[in-house]
Amino acid sequence: HACKGECCIEGDAGAPLEKEEIPELEKALPTVWEELSQS
């Protein structure tokens, strides 16, 4: 409530990923698609 999740929006790169997480992200994508911003 104080930081408002700034660690997810600041920095110069995305979150580091492990190789096996990439297909998991792709699999989860349709589930979260409508939550994501147009950008």
All heavy atoms as atom14 arrays in JSON, in Angstrom:
{
  "sequence": "HACKGECCIEGDAGAPLEKEEIPELEKALPTVWEELSQS",
  "atom14_mask": [
    [1, 1, 1, 1, 1, 1, 1, 1, 1, 1, 0, 0, 0, 0],
    [1, 1, 1, 1, 1, 0, 0, 0, 0, 0, 0, 0, 0, 0],
    [1, 1, 1, 1, 1, 1, 0, 0, 0, 0, 0, 0, 0, 0],
    [1, 1, 1, 1, 1, 1, 1, 1, 1, 0, 0, 0, 0, 0],
    [1, 1, 1, 1, 0, 0, 0, 0, 0, 0, 0, 0, 0, 0],
    [1, 1, 1, 1, 1, 1, 1, 1, 1, 0, 0, 0, 0, 0],
    [1, 1, 1, 1, 1, 1, 0, 0, 0, 0, 0, 0, 0, 0],
    [1, 1, 1, 1, 1, 1, 0, 0, 0, 0, 0, 0, 0, 0],
    [1, 1, 1, 1, 1, 1, 1, 1, 0, 0, 0, 0, 0, 0],
    [1, 1, 1, 1, 1, 1, 1, 1, 1, 0, 0, 0, 0, 0],
    [1, 1, 1, 1, 0, 0, 0, 0, 0, 0, 0, 0, 0, 0],
    [1, 1, 1, 1, 1, 1, 1, 1, 0, 0, 0, 0, 0, 0],
    [1, 1, 1, 1, 1, 0, 0, 0, 0, 0, 0, 0, 0, 0],
    [1, 1, 1, 1, 0, 0, 0, 0, 0, 0, 0, 0, 0, 0],
    [1, 1, 1, 1, 1, 0, 0, 0, 0, 0, 0, 0, 0, 0],
    [1, 1, 1, 1, 1, 1, 1, 0, 0, 0, 0, 0, 0, 0],
    [1, 1, 1, 1, 1, 1, 1, 1, 0, 0, 0, 0, 0, 0],
    [1, 1, 1, 1, 1, 1, 1, 1, 1, 0, 0, 0, 0, 0],
    [1, 1, 1, 1, 1, 1, 1, 1, 1, 0, 0, 0, 0, 0],
    [1, 1, 1, 1, 1, 1, 1, 1, 1, 0, 0, 0, 0, 0],
    [1, 1, 1, 1, 1, 1, 1, 1, 1, 0, 0, 0, 0, 0],
    [1, 1, 1, 1, 1, 1, 1, 1, 0, 0, 0, 0, 0, 0],
    [1, 1, 1, 1, 1, 1, 1, 0, 0, 0, 0, 0, 0, 0],
    [1, 1, 1, 1, 1, 1, 1, 1, 1, 0, 0, 0, 0, 0],
    [1, 1, 1, 1, 1, 1, 1, 1, 0, 0, 0, 0, 0, 0],
    [1, 1, 1, 1, 1, 1, 1, 1, 1, 0, 0, 0, 0, 0],
    [1, 1, 1, 1, 1, 1, 1, 1, 1, 0, 0, 0, 0, 0],
    [1, 1, 1, 1, 1, 0, 0, 0, 0, 0, 0, 0, 0, 0],
    [1, 1, 1, 1, 1, 1, 1, 1, 0, 0, 0, 0, 0, 0],
    [1, 1, 1, 1, 1, 1, 1, 0, 0, 0, 0, 0, 0, 0],
    [1, 1, 1, 1, 1, 1, 1, 0, 0, 0, 0, 0, 0, 0],
    [1, 1, 1, 1, 1, 1, 1, 0, 0, 0, 0, 0, 0, 0],
    [1, 1, 1, 1, 1, 1, 1, 1, 1, 1, 1, 1, 1, 1],
    [1, 1, 1, 1, 1, 1, 1, 1, 1, 0, 0, 0, 0, 0],
    [1, 1, 1, 1, 1, 1, 1, 1, 1, 0, 0, 0, 0, 0],
    [1, 1, 1, 1, 1, 1, 1, 1, 0, 0, 0, 0, 0, 0],
    [1, 1, 1, 1, 1, 1, 0, 0, 0, 0, 0, 0, 0, 0],
    [1, 1, 1, 1, 1, 1, 1, 1, 1, 0, 0, 0, 0, 0],
    [1, 1, 1, 1, 1, 1, 0, 0, 0, 0, 0, 0, 0, 0]
  ],
  "atom14_positions": [
    [[0.83, -1.22, 0.0], [0.0, 0.0, 0.0], [0.86, 1.26, 0.0], [0.43, 2.3, -0.49], [-0.98, -0.01, 1.17], [-2.01, -1.09, 1.04], [-3.02, -1.05, 0.13], [-2.14, -2.28, 1.68], [-3.76, -2.14, 0.21], [-3.24, -2.91, 1.14], [0.0, 0.0, 0.0], [0.0, 0.0, 0.0], [0.0, 0.0, 0.0], [0.0, 0.0, 0.0]],
    [[2.07, 1.16, 0.52], [2.97, 2.32, 0.55], [3.74, 2.45, -0.77], [3.85, 3.54, -1.32], [3.94, 2.21, 1.71], [0.0, 0.0, 0.0], [0.0, 0.0, 0.0], [0.0, 0.0, 0.0], [0.0, 0.0, 0.0], [0.0, 0.0, 0.0], [0.0, 0.0, 0.0], [0.0, 0.0, 0.0], [0.0, 0.0, 0.0], [0.0, 0.0, 0.0]],
    [[4.28, 1.35, -1.28], [5.12, 1.43, -2.49], [4.31, 1.28, -3.78], [4.79, 1.6, -4.86], [6.22, 0.38, -2.44], [5.63, -1.31, -2.73], [0.0, 0.0, 0.0], [0.0, 0.0, 0.0], [0.0, 0.0, 0.0], [0.0, 0.0, 0.0], [0.0, 0.0, 0.0], [0.0, 0.0, 0.0], [0.0, 0.0, 0.0], [0.0, 0.0, 0.0]],
    [[3.11, 0.73, -3.68], [2.2, 0.52, -4.81], [2.76, -0.43, -5.87], [2.39, -0.38, -7.03], [1.78, 1.85, -5.43], [1.06, 2.76, -4.45], [0.37, 3.88, -5.14], [-0.32, 4.85, -4.24], [-1.05, 4.39, -3.11], [0.0, 0.0, 0.0], [0.0, 0.0, 0.0], [0.0, 0.0, 0.0], [0.0, 0.0, 0.0], [0.0, 0.0, 0.0]],
    [[3.7, -1.32, -5.46], [4.24, -2.32, -6.38], [5.27, -1.77, -7.34], [5.42, -2.26, -8.46], [0.0, 0.0, 0.0], [0.0, 0.0, 0.0], [0.0, 0.0, 0.0], [0.0, 0.0, 0.0], [0.0, 0.0, 0.0], [0.0, 0.0, 0.0], [0.0, 0.0, 0.0], [0.0, 0.0, 0.0], [0.0, 0.0, 0.0], [0.0, 0.0, 0.0]],
    [[5.98, -0.77, -6.91], [6.93, -0.07, -7.78], [8.01, -1.0, -8.35], [8.53, -0.75, -9.44], [7.58, 1.09, -7.02], [8.24, 2.08, -7.91], [8.66, 3.34, -7.19], [8.3, 3.55, -6.01], [9.37, 4.15, -7.81], [0.0, 0.0, 0.0], [0.0, 0.0, 0.0], [0.0, 0.0, 0.0], [0.0, 0.0, 0.0], [0.0, 0.0, 0.0]],
    [[8.33, -2.09, -7.66], [9.38, -3.0, -8.16], [8.98, -3.65, -9.48], [9.84, -4.11, -10.23], [9.73, -4.06, -7.12], [8.39, -5.15, -6.64], [0.0, 0.0, 0.0], [0.0, 0.0, 0.0], [0.0, 0.0, 0.0], [0.0, 0.0, 0.0], [0.0, 0.0, 0.0], [0.0, 0.0, 0.0], [0.0, 0.0, 0.0], [0.0, 0.0, 0.0]],
    [[7.69, -3.7, -9.79], [7.22, -4.29, -11.05], [7.19, -3.28, -12.19], [6.96, -3.67, -13.34], [5.82, -4.87, -10.87], [5.75, -6.24, -9.72], [0.0, 0.0, 0.0], [0.0, 0.0, 0.0], [0.0, 0.0, 0.0], [0.0, 0.0, 0.0], [0.0, 0.0, 0.0], [0.0, 0.0, 0.0], [0.0, 0.0, 0.0], [0.0, 0.0, 0.0]],
    [[7.39, -2.0, -11.87], [7.26, -0.98, -12.91], [8.5, -0.12, -13.07], [8.56, 0.7, -13.98], [6.03, -0.08, -12.64], [6.1, 0.57, -11.27], [4.75, -0.87, -12.8], [4.99, 1.55, -10.97], [0.0, 0.0, 0.0], [0.0, 0.0, 0.0], [0.0, 0.0, 0.0], [0.0, 0.0, 0.0], [0.0, 0.0, 0.0], [0.0, 0.0, 0.0]],
    [[9.48, -0.3, -12.22], [10.72, 0.47, -12.34], [11.86, -0.45, -12.73], [11.81, -1.65, -12.51], [11.04, 1.19, -11.03], [10.15, 2.37, -10.76], [10.19, 3.45, -11.83], [11.26, 3.69, -12.42], [9.15, 4.04, -12.09], [0.0, 0.0, 0.0], [0.0, 0.0, 0.0], [0.0, 0.0, 0.0], [0.0, 0.0, 0.0], [0.0, 0.0, 0.0]],
    [[12.89, 0.11, -13.28], [14.04, -0.67, -13.7], [14.24, -0.54, -15.2], [13.48, 0.12, -15.9], [0.0, 0.0, 0.0], [0.0, 0.0, 0.0], [0.0, 0.0, 0.0], [0.0, 0.0, 0.0], [0.0, 0.0, 0.0], [0.0, 0.0, 0.0], [0.0, 0.0, 0.0], [0.0, 0.0, 0.0], [0.0, 0.0, 0.0], [0.0, 0.0, 0.0]],
    [[15.27, -1.21, -15.67], [15.61, -1.08, -17.09], [15.43, -2.36, -17.88], [15.79, -2.44, -19.05], [17.05, -0.57, -17.24], [18.05, -1.46, -16.53], [17.66, -2.5, -15.97], [19.24, -1.1, -16.54], [0.0, 0.0, 0.0], [0.0, 0.0, 0.0], [0.0, 0.0, 0.0], [0.0, 0.0, 0.0], [0.0, 0.0, 0.0], [0.0, 0.0, 0.0]],
    [[14.89, -3.4, -17.24], [14.65, -4.67, -17.93], [13.5, -5.39, -17.24], [13.11, -5.04, -16.13], [15.91, -5.53, -17.9], [0.0, 0.0, 0.0], [0.0, 0.0, 0.0], [0.0, 0.0, 0.0], [0.0, 0.0, 0.0], [0.0, 0.0, 0.0], [0.0, 0.0, 0.0], [0.0, 0.0, 0.0], [0.0, 0.0, 0.0], [0.0, 0.0, 0.0]],
    [[13.0, -6.42, -17.88], [11.94, -7.23, -17.29], [12.49, -8.15, -16.23], [13.68, -8.15, -15.91], [0.0, 0.0, 0.0], [0.0, 0.0, 0.0], [0.0, 0.0, 0.0], [0.0, 0.0, 0.0], [0.0, 0.0, 0.0], [0.0, 0.0, 0.0], [0.0, 0.0, 0.0], [0.0, 0.0, 0.0], [0.0, 0.0, 0.0], [0.0, 0.0, 0.0]],
    [[11.61, -8.97, -15.68], [11.98, -9.92, -14.63], [12.78, -11.07, -15.23], [12.39, -11.62, -16.27], [10.73, -10.46, -13.95], [0.0, 0.0, 0.0], [0.0, 0.0, 0.0], [0.0, 0.0, 0.0], [0.0, 0.0, 0.0], [0.0, 0.0, 0.0], [0.0, 0.0, 0.0], [0.0, 0.0, 0.0], [0.0, 0.0, 0.0], [0.0, 0.0, 0.0]],
    [[13.89, -11.45, -14.59], [14.67, -12.6, -15.07], [13.82, -13.86, -15.1], [13.01, -14.11, -14.2], [15.8, -12.72, -14.05], [15.91, -11.37, -13.43], [14.51, -10.82, -13.42], [0.0, 0.0, 0.0], [0.0, 0.0, 0.0], [0.0, 0.0, 0.0], [0.0, 0.0, 0.0], [0.0, 0.0, 0.0], [0.0, 0.0, 0.0], [0.0, 0.0, 0.0]],
    [[14.01, -14.66, -16.15], [13.24, -15.89, -16.32], [14.15, -17.1, -16.37], [15.26, -17.04, -16.89], [12.45, -15.84, -17.63], [11.36, -14.8, -17.72], [10.82, -14.71, -19.15], [10.23, -15.12, -16.76], [0.0, 0.0, 0.0], [0.0, 0.0, 0.0], [0.0, 0.0, 0.0], [0.0, 0.0, 0.0], [0.0, 0.0, 0.0], [0.0, 0.0, 0.0]],
    [[13.65, -18.21, -15.85], [14.31, -19.48, -16.02], [13.77, -20.09, -17.31], [12.61, -19.84, -17.69], [14.06, -20.37, -14.81], [14.67, -19.75, -13.56], [14.65, -20.65, -12.34], [14.19, -21.81, -12.44], [15.09, -20.19, -11.29], [0.0, 0.0, 0.0], [0.0, 0.0, 0.0], [0.0, 0.0, 0.0], [0.0, 0.0, 0.0], [0.0, 0.0, 0.0]],
    [[14.59, -20.85, -17.97], [14.25, -21.4, -19.28], [12.89, -22.1, -19.28], [12.07, -21.89, -20.19], [15.35, -22.38, -19.7], [15.23, -22.94, -21.06], [16.45, -23.83, -21.35], [16.21, -24.7, -22.55], [17.33, -25.59, -22.81], [0.0, 0.0, 0.0], [0.0, 0.0, 0.0], [0.0, 0.0, 0.0], [0.0, 0.0, 0.0], [0.0, 0.0, 0.0]],
    [[12.62, -22.89, -18.24], [11.37, -23.65, -18.2], [10.15, -22.78, -17.9], [9.01, -23.23, -18.05], [11.46, -24.8, -17.19], [11.69, -24.41, -15.76], [13.15, -24.21, -15.38], [14.05, -24.28, -16.25], [13.4, -23.93, -14.21], [0.0, 0.0, 0.0], [0.0, 0.0, 0.0], [0.0, 0.0, 0.0], [0.0, 0.0, 0.0], [0.0, 0.0, 0.0]],
    [[10.36, -21.53, -17.5], [9.23, -20.64, -17.22], [8.63, -20.04, -18.48], [7.46, -19.65, -18.49], [9.66, -19.52, -16.27], [9.95, -20.0, -14.87], [10.4, -18.9, -13.94], [11.16, -18.0, -14.37], [9.99, -18.94, -12.76], [0.0, 0.0, 0.0], [0.0, 0.0, 0.0], [0.0, 0.0, 0.0], [0.0, 0.0, 0.0], [0.0, 0.0, 0.0]],
    [[9.4, -19.96, -19.55], [8.91, -19.32, -20.78], [7.67, -20.04, -21.32], [6.65, -19.38, -21.58], [10.03, -19.19, -21.82], [11.12, -18.27, -21.24], [9.49, -18.65, -23.14], [12.42, -18.25, -22.02], [0.0, 0.0, 0.0], [0.0, 0.0, 0.0], [0.0, 0.0, 0.0], [0.0, 0.0, 0.0], [0.0, 0.0, 0.0], [0.0, 0.0, 0.0]],
    [[7.69, -21.38, -21.47], [6.45, -22.03, -21.94], [5.3, -21.89, -20.94], [4.13, -21.84, -21.34], [6.83, -23.5, -22.12], [8.23, -23.66, -21.69], [8.8, -22.32, -21.38], [0.0, 0.0, 0.0], [0.0, 0.0, 0.0], [0.0, 0.0, 0.0], [0.0, 0.0, 0.0], [0.0, 0.0, 0.0], [0.0, 0.0, 0.0], [0.0, 0.0, 0.0]],
    [[5.62, -21.78, -19.64], [4.58, -21.59, -18.63], [3.92, -20.22, -18.8], [2.7, -20.08, -18.66], [5.16, -21.72, -17.22], [5.61, -23.11, -16.87], [4.47, -24.11, -16.78], [3.35, -23.72, -16.41], [4.7, -25.29, -17.11], [0.0, 0.0, 0.0], [0.0, 0.0, 0.0], [0.0, 0.0, 0.0], [0.0, 0.0, 0.0], [0.0, 0.0, 0.0]],
    [[4.72, -19.19, -19.11], [4.16, -17.85, -19.36], [3.25, -17.88, -20.58], [2.16, -17.31, -20.57], [5.29, -16.84, -19.6], [6.08, -16.38, -18.39], [7.24, -15.5, -18.85], [5.21, -15.63, -17.42], [0.0, 0.0, 0.0], [0.0, 0.0, 0.0], [0.0, 0.0, 0.0], [0.0, 0.0, 0.0], [0.0, 0.0, 0.0], [0.0, 0.0, 0.0]],
    [[3.71, -18.55, -21.63], [2.92, -18.63, -22.86], [1.62, -19.39, -22.64], [0.58, -19.01, -23.17], [3.76, -19.26, -23.96], [4.9, -18.34, -24.39], [5.96, -19.0, -25.25], [6.0, -20.25, -25.33], [6.77, -18.24, -25.84], [0.0, 0.0, 0.0], [0.0, 0.0, 0.0], [0.0, 0.0, 0.0], [0.0, 0.0, 0.0], [0.0, 0.0, 0.0]],
    [[1.69, -20.43, -21.83], [0.48, -21.22, -21.52], [-0.51, -20.39, -20.7], [-1.72, -20.48, -20.9], [0.9, -22.47, -20.74], [-0.24, -23.38, -20.35], [0.32, -24.58, -19.58], [-0.78, -25.3, -18.83], [-0.23, -26.31, -17.92], [0.0, 0.0, 0.0], [0.0, 0.0, 0.0], [0.0, 0.0, 0.0], [0.0, 0.0, 0.0], [0.0, 0.0, 0.0]],
    [[-0.02, -19.56, -19.78], [-0.88, -18.75, -18.93], [-1.42, -17.52, -19.64], [-2.41, -16.92, -19.2], [-0.12, -18.32, -17.67], [0.0, 0.0, 0.0], [0.0, 0.0, 0.0], [0.0, 0.0, 0.0], [0.0, 0.0, 0.0], [0.0, 0.0, 0.0], [0.0, 0.0, 0.0], [0.0, 0.0, 0.0], [0.0, 0.0, 0.0], [0.0, 0.0, 0.0]],
    [[-0.8, -17.13, -20.74], [-1.16, -15.89, -21.43], [-2.65, -15.75, -21.76], [-3.25, -14.71, -21.46], [-0.3, -15.71, -22.67], [-0.42, -14.38, -23.4], [-0.09, -13.21, -22.48], [0.49, -14.37, -24.62], [0.0, 0.0, 0.0], [0.0, 0.0, 0.0], [0.0, 0.0, 0.0], [0.0, 0.0, 0.0], [0.0, 0.0, 0.0], [0.0, 0.0, 0.0]],
    [[-3.31, -16.76, -22.35], [-4.74, -16.6, -22.65], [-5.6, -16.33, -21.41], [-6.59, -15.61, -21.48], [-5.13, -17.93, -23.3], [-3.85, -18.51, -23.8], [-2.79, -18.05, -22.86], [0.0, 0.0, 0.0], [0.0, 0.0, 0.0], [0.0, 0.0, 0.0], [0.0, 0.0, 0.0], [0.0, 0.0, 0.0], [0.0, 0.0, 0.0], [0.0, 0.0, 0.0]],
    [[-5.17, -16.87, -20.27], [-5.92, -16.69, -19.02], [-5.87, -15.25, -18.54], [-6.83, -14.75, -17.96], [-5.35, -17.63, -17.93], [-5.34, -18.96, -18.44], [-6.15, -17.57, -16.67], [0.0, 0.0, 0.0], [0.0, 0.0, 0.0], [0.0, 0.0, 0.0], [0.0, 0.0, 0.0], [0.0, 0.0, 0.0], [0.0, 0.0, 0.0], [0.0, 0.0, 0.0]],
    [[-4.75, -14.57, -18.77], [-4.58, -13.21, -18.25], [-4.74, -12.13, -19.31], [-4.7, -10.94, -18.99], [-3.19, -13.06, -17.55], [-3.07, -14.02, -16.38], [-2.04, -13.23, -18.52], [0.0, 0.0, 0.0], [0.0, 0.0, 0.0], [0.0, 0.0, 0.0], [0.0, 0.0, 0.0], [0.0, 0.0, 0.0], [0.0, 0.0, 0.0], [0.0, 0.0, 0.0]],
    [[-4.92, -12.51, -20.55], [-4.93, -11.57, -21.67], [-5.83, -10.36, -21.44], [-5.44, -9.22, -21.68], [-5.31, -12.29, -22.95], [-5.15, -11.46, -24.19], [-6.15, -10.88, -24.92], [-3.92, -11.1, -24.83], [-5.62, -10.2, -25.99], [-4.25, -10.32, -25.95], [-2.59, -11.36, -24.56], [-3.29, -9.79, -26.8], [-1.63, -10.84, -25.42], [-1.98, -10.06, -26.52]],
    [[-7.05, -10.59, -20.98], [-8.0, -9.5, -20.8], [-7.61, -8.56, -19.65], [-8.07, -7.42, -19.6], [-9.42, -10.04, -20.58], [-10.0, -10.72, -21.81], [-10.02, -9.81, -23.05], [-10.4, -8.63, -22.93], [-9.64, -10.3, -24.14], [0.0, 0.0, 0.0], [0.0, 0.0, 0.0], [0.0, 0.0, 0.0], [0.0, 0.0, 0.0], [0.0, 0.0, 0.0]],
    [[-6.77, -9.03, -18.73], [-6.3, -8.2, -17.61], [-5.22, -7.21, -18.07], [-4.99, -6.21, -17.41], [-5.69, -9.08, -16.5], [-6.68, -9.95, -15.78], [-7.43, -9.2, -14.7], [-6.88, -8.25, -14.12], [-8.58, -9.58, -14.43], [0.0, 0.0, 0.0], [0.0, 0.0, 0.0], [0.0, 0.0, 0.0], [0.0, 0.0, 0.0], [0.0, 0.0, 0.0]],
    [[-4.53, -7.54, -19.16], [-3.38, -6.76, -19.59], [-3.8, -5.48, -20.31], [-4.84, -5.43, -20.96], [-2.5, -7.6, -20.52], [-2.04, -8.96, -19.97], [-1.17, -9.67, -20.99], [-1.32, -8.8, -18.64], [0.0, 0.0, 0.0], [0.0, 0.0, 0.0], [0.0, 0.0, 0.0], [0.0, 0.0, 0.0], [0.0, 0.0, 0.0], [0.0, 0.0, 0.0]],
    [[-2.95, -4.48, -20.19], [-3.22, -3.21, -20.88], [-3.09, -3.4, -22.39], [-2.43, -4.34, -22.86], [-2.23, -2.14, -20.41], [-0.93, -2.43, -20.9], [0.0, 0.0, 0.0], [0.0, 0.0, 0.0], [0.0, 0.0, 0.0], [0.0, 0.0, 0.0], [0.0, 0.0, 0.0], [0.0, 0.0, 0.0], [0.0, 0.0, 0.0], [0.0, 0.0, 0.0]],
    [[-3.68, -2.49, -23.12], [-3.57, -2.54, -24.58], [-2.1, -2.43, -25.0], [-1.66, -3.14, -25.91], [-4.4, -1.41, -25.22], [-4.39, -1.43, -26.74], [-4.96, -2.72, -27.33], [-5.92, -3.29, -26.82], [-4.35, -3.2, -28.4], [0.0, 0.0, 0.0], [0.0, 0.0, 0.0], [0.0, 0.0, 0.0], [0.0, 0.0, 0.0], [0.0, 0.0, 0.0]],
    [[-1.35, -1.59, -24.33], [0.08, -1.44, -24.63], [0.83, -2.74, -24.4], [1.7, -3.12, -25.2], [0.71, -0.35, -23.77], [0.08, 0.88, -23.99], [0.0, 0.0, 0.0], [0.0, 0.0, 0.0], [0.0, 0.0, 0.0], [0.0, 0.0, 0.0], [0.0, 0.0, 0.0], [0.0, 0.0, 0.0], [0.0, 0.0, 0.0], [0.0, 0.0, 0.0]]
  ]
}
